[in-house]
Amino acid sequence: MDGAPRRGGTPWEGVQRRAVAASPGSDWVAVTRGGHGEVHIVDARTGHEAARPRLSTPLHHGGHMTLRNRTDGAEGDPVGR
C-alpha cells in the first residue's frame, strides 16, 4: 500500500486522509483513497469490494463524502454522520 506506516515513523507520515461514508439503510460503505483519486465501495455484509471508481480529481486530503439511499432517513441529520 502506498504510504503504509513504517517502523520508526508515525502512521500519518506520507499518507493523506481518507473519508468514510455509510448509510444506515444500506450494507455498503465507501472510503476515499486520498491523493489517488479512488473510492473503494465495500459490501460490509460480505466484506468484498463491490466497486472502485477512479475520479478525475486526486481527492487531496481525502475529500468529503456522503452515502445514503432513498429510505434511510439521513435527510434528517444536518451534520452528515
N, C-alpha and C. Protein backbone atom coordinates (compact mmCIF):
# COMPACT_ATOMS: atom_id res chain seq x y z
N MET A 1 0.85 -1.17 0.00
CA MET A 1 0.00 0.00 0.00
C MET A 1 0.90 1.23 0.00
N ASP A 2 0.62 2.16 -0.89
CA ASP A 2 1.37 3.40 -0.93
C ASP A 2 1.21 4.15 0.38
N GLY A 3 2.33 4.57 0.95
CA GLY A 3 2.28 5.37 2.16
C GLY A 3 1.92 4.60 3.41
N ALA A 4 2.09 3.28 3.41
CA ALA A 4 1.77 2.47 4.59
C ALA A 4 2.68 2.86 5.74
N PRO A 5 2.22 2.70 6.99
CA PRO A 5 3.08 3.02 8.13
C PRO A 5 4.38 2.22 8.09
N ARG A 6 5.45 2.83 8.54
CA ARG A 6 6.75 2.18 8.56
C ARG A 6 7.30 2.18 9.98
N ARG A 7 8.12 1.19 10.25
CA ARG A 7 8.74 1.10 11.57
C ARG A 7 9.52 2.38 11.86
N GLY A 8 9.34 2.91 13.05
CA GLY A 8 10.04 4.12 13.45
C GLY A 8 9.36 5.40 13.04
N GLY A 9 8.24 5.32 12.30
CA GLY A 9 7.51 6.51 11.86
C GLY A 9 6.12 6.52 12.46
N THR A 10 5.45 7.64 12.29
CA THR A 10 4.07 7.71 12.76
C THR A 10 3.14 7.23 11.65
N PRO A 11 1.93 6.76 11.99
CA PRO A 11 1.02 6.21 10.97
C PRO A 11 0.54 7.23 9.94
N TRP A 12 0.68 8.52 10.24
CA TRP A 12 0.17 9.53 9.32
C TRP A 12 1.25 10.15 8.45
N GLU A 13 2.51 9.73 8.59
CA GLU A 13 3.57 10.26 7.74
C GLU A 13 3.47 9.69 6.33
N GLY A 14 3.48 10.56 5.33
CA GLY A 14 3.50 10.12 3.95
C GLY A 14 2.16 9.67 3.39
N VAL A 15 1.08 9.86 4.14
CA VAL A 15 -0.24 9.45 3.64
C VAL A 15 -1.19 10.64 3.70
N GLN A 16 -2.26 10.53 2.96
CA GLN A 16 -3.31 11.53 3.03
C GLN A 16 -4.50 10.91 3.75
N ARG A 17 -5.38 11.77 4.21
CA ARG A 17 -6.56 11.28 4.93
C ARG A 17 -7.47 10.48 4.02
N ARG A 18 -8.32 9.72 4.63
CA ARG A 18 -9.39 9.03 3.93
C ARG A 18 -10.70 9.59 4.44
N ALA A 19 -11.70 9.59 3.61
CA ALA A 19 -13.05 9.95 4.03
C ALA A 19 -13.88 8.68 3.97
N VAL A 20 -14.73 8.48 4.97
CA VAL A 20 -15.56 7.29 5.05
C VAL A 20 -17.02 7.72 5.08
N ALA A 21 -17.86 6.99 4.36
CA ALA A 21 -19.29 7.27 4.35
C ALA A 21 -20.06 5.96 4.41
N ALA A 22 -21.15 5.97 5.17
CA ALA A 22 -22.02 4.79 5.27
C ALA A 22 -23.45 5.25 5.43
N SER A 23 -24.37 4.43 5.03
CA SER A 23 -25.79 4.72 5.14
C SER A 23 -26.42 3.71 6.09
N PRO A 24 -27.28 4.16 7.00
CA PRO A 24 -27.95 3.19 7.87
C PRO A 24 -28.93 2.28 7.12
N GLY A 25 -29.25 2.64 5.89
CA GLY A 25 -30.19 1.84 5.12
C GLY A 25 -29.54 0.96 4.08
N SER A 26 -28.22 0.78 4.15
CA SER A 26 -27.50 0.02 3.14
C SER A 26 -26.35 -0.74 3.79
N ASP A 27 -25.93 -1.83 3.18
CA ASP A 27 -24.78 -2.58 3.66
C ASP A 27 -23.47 -2.09 3.04
N TRP A 28 -23.53 -1.06 2.20
CA TRP A 28 -22.33 -0.57 1.53
C TRP A 28 -21.66 0.53 2.35
N VAL A 29 -20.33 0.55 2.28
CA VAL A 29 -19.51 1.58 2.90
C VAL A 29 -18.57 2.10 1.82
N ALA A 30 -18.36 3.40 1.77
CA ALA A 30 -17.46 3.99 0.78
C ALA A 30 -16.28 4.64 1.50
N VAL A 31 -15.07 4.45 0.98
CA VAL A 31 -13.85 5.01 1.55
C VAL A 31 -13.04 5.62 0.43
N THR A 32 -12.66 6.88 0.58
CA THR A 32 -11.81 7.50 -0.43
C THR A 32 -10.36 7.14 -0.16
N ARG A 33 -9.56 7.20 -1.19
CA ARG A 33 -8.12 7.00 -1.07
C ARG A 33 -7.47 8.31 -1.45
N GLY A 34 -7.26 9.16 -0.44
CA GLY A 34 -6.74 10.50 -0.65
C GLY A 34 -5.44 10.52 -1.43
N GLY A 35 -5.39 11.40 -2.43
CA GLY A 35 -4.21 11.54 -3.27
C GLY A 35 -4.17 10.61 -4.46
N HIS A 36 -5.05 9.62 -4.50
CA HIS A 36 -5.05 8.64 -5.58
C HIS A 36 -6.30 8.71 -6.45
N GLY A 37 -7.30 9.49 -6.05
CA GLY A 37 -8.49 9.64 -6.87
C GLY A 37 -9.34 8.40 -6.98
N GLU A 38 -9.37 7.58 -5.92
CA GLU A 38 -10.16 6.36 -5.94
C GLU A 38 -11.16 6.36 -4.79
N VAL A 39 -12.30 5.73 -5.03
CA VAL A 39 -13.29 5.49 -3.99
C VAL A 39 -13.52 3.99 -3.94
N HIS A 40 -13.26 3.39 -2.80
CA HIS A 40 -13.49 1.95 -2.62
C HIS A 40 -14.89 1.78 -2.04
N ILE A 41 -15.73 1.03 -2.72
CA ILE A 41 -17.08 0.76 -2.24
C ILE A 41 -17.11 -0.70 -1.82
N VAL A 42 -17.38 -0.92 -0.52
CA VAL A 42 -17.30 -2.25 0.06
C VAL A 42 -18.68 -2.68 0.57
N ASP A 43 -19.02 -3.93 0.30
CA ASP A 43 -20.24 -4.51 0.86
C ASP A 43 -19.88 -4.98 2.27
N ALA A 44 -20.34 -4.26 3.29
CA ALA A 44 -19.96 -4.56 4.67
C ALA A 44 -20.51 -5.91 5.13
N ARG A 45 -21.56 -6.38 4.52
CA ARG A 45 -22.14 -7.68 4.89
C ARG A 45 -21.20 -8.82 4.51
N THR A 46 -20.60 -8.72 3.33
CA THR A 46 -19.72 -9.80 2.85
C THR A 46 -18.24 -9.49 3.02
N GLY A 47 -17.90 -8.19 3.15
CA GLY A 47 -16.51 -7.79 3.25
C GLY A 47 -15.80 -7.69 1.92
N HIS A 48 -16.52 -7.83 0.83
CA HIS A 48 -15.92 -7.77 -0.51
C HIS A 48 -16.09 -6.38 -1.12
N GLU A 49 -15.08 -5.99 -1.88
CA GLU A 49 -15.15 -4.72 -2.59
C GLU A 49 -16.13 -4.85 -3.76
N ALA A 50 -17.12 -3.97 -3.79
CA ALA A 50 -18.14 -4.02 -4.83
C ALA A 50 -17.73 -3.22 -6.06
N ALA A 51 -16.98 -2.13 -5.85
CA ALA A 51 -16.57 -1.28 -6.98
C ALA A 51 -15.41 -0.40 -6.52
N ARG A 52 -14.66 0.12 -7.51
CA ARG A 52 -13.58 1.06 -7.22
C ARG A 52 -13.54 2.09 -8.33
N PRO A 53 -14.44 3.08 -8.30
CA PRO A 53 -14.40 4.11 -9.33
C PRO A 53 -13.18 5.01 -9.18
N ARG A 54 -12.60 5.38 -10.31
CA ARG A 54 -11.50 6.34 -10.36
C ARG A 54 -12.06 7.68 -10.79
N LEU A 55 -11.67 8.72 -10.11
CA LEU A 55 -12.20 10.05 -10.36
C LEU A 55 -11.20 10.92 -11.10
N SER A 56 -11.66 12.04 -11.59
CA SER A 56 -10.79 12.96 -12.33
C SER A 56 -10.05 13.92 -11.40
N THR A 57 -10.23 13.77 -10.11
CA THR A 57 -9.53 14.58 -9.12
C THR A 57 -8.74 13.65 -8.20
N PRO A 58 -7.61 14.09 -7.68
CA PRO A 58 -6.82 13.21 -6.81
C PRO A 58 -7.42 13.05 -5.41
N LEU A 59 -8.46 13.82 -5.08
CA LEU A 59 -9.07 13.78 -3.75
C LEU A 59 -8.05 14.08 -2.65
N HIS A 60 -7.28 15.14 -2.85
CA HIS A 60 -6.29 15.51 -1.84
C HIS A 60 -6.97 15.66 -0.48
N HIS A 61 -6.32 15.15 0.53
CA HIS A 61 -6.81 15.18 1.91
C HIS A 61 -8.10 14.38 2.09
N GLY A 62 -8.38 13.46 1.20
CA GLY A 62 -9.50 12.54 1.36
C GLY A 62 -10.82 13.00 0.78
N GLY A 63 -11.02 14.29 0.64
CA GLY A 63 -12.28 14.79 0.12
C GLY A 63 -13.38 14.70 1.17
N HIS A 64 -14.60 14.87 0.74
CA HIS A 64 -15.78 14.78 1.60
C HIS A 64 -16.79 13.88 0.91
N MET A 65 -17.47 13.06 1.67
CA MET A 65 -18.43 12.14 1.06
C MET A 65 -19.68 12.00 1.90
N THR A 66 -20.73 11.55 1.23
CA THR A 66 -21.93 11.10 1.91
C THR A 66 -22.46 9.92 1.12
N LEU A 67 -23.06 8.99 1.79
CA LEU A 67 -23.63 7.81 1.14
C LEU A 67 -24.97 7.55 1.78
N ARG A 68 -26.01 7.54 0.98
CA ARG A 68 -27.33 7.28 1.52
C ARG A 68 -28.21 6.67 0.46
N ASN A 69 -29.29 6.05 0.91
CA ASN A 69 -30.28 5.58 -0.05
C ASN A 69 -31.58 6.35 0.18
N ARG A 70 -32.55 6.10 -0.64
CA ARG A 70 -33.76 6.92 -0.62
C ARG A 70 -34.60 6.78 0.65
N THR A 71 -34.45 5.70 1.38
CA THR A 71 -35.34 5.45 2.52
C THR A 71 -34.61 5.36 3.86
N ASP A 72 -33.37 5.84 3.95
CA ASP A 72 -32.62 5.65 5.19
C ASP A 72 -32.87 6.72 6.25
N GLY A 73 -33.59 7.79 5.94
CA GLY A 73 -33.89 8.84 6.89
C GLY A 73 -32.73 9.80 7.14
N ALA A 74 -31.66 9.70 6.36
CA ALA A 74 -30.47 10.54 6.58
C ALA A 74 -30.73 12.02 6.30
N GLU A 75 -31.79 12.34 5.60
CA GLU A 75 -32.06 13.77 5.33
C GLU A 75 -32.36 14.52 6.63
N GLY A 76 -32.66 13.79 7.71
CA GLY A 76 -32.95 14.42 9.00
C GLY A 76 -31.69 14.68 9.82
N ASP A 77 -30.52 14.33 9.31
CA ASP A 77 -29.26 14.52 10.04
C ASP A 77 -28.49 15.68 9.40
N PRO A 78 -28.61 16.88 9.94
CA PRO A 78 -27.96 18.04 9.32
C PRO A 78 -26.43 18.03 9.45
N VAL A 79 -25.86 17.16 10.28
CA VAL A 79 -24.41 17.12 10.47
C VAL A 79 -23.77 16.17 9.46
N GLY A 80 -24.51 15.18 8.96
CA GLY A 80 -24.00 14.25 7.97
C GLY A 80 -23.18 13.13 8.58
N ARG A 81 -23.67 12.55 9.65
CA ARG A 81 -22.94 11.43 10.29
C ARG A 81 -23.18 10.15 9.55
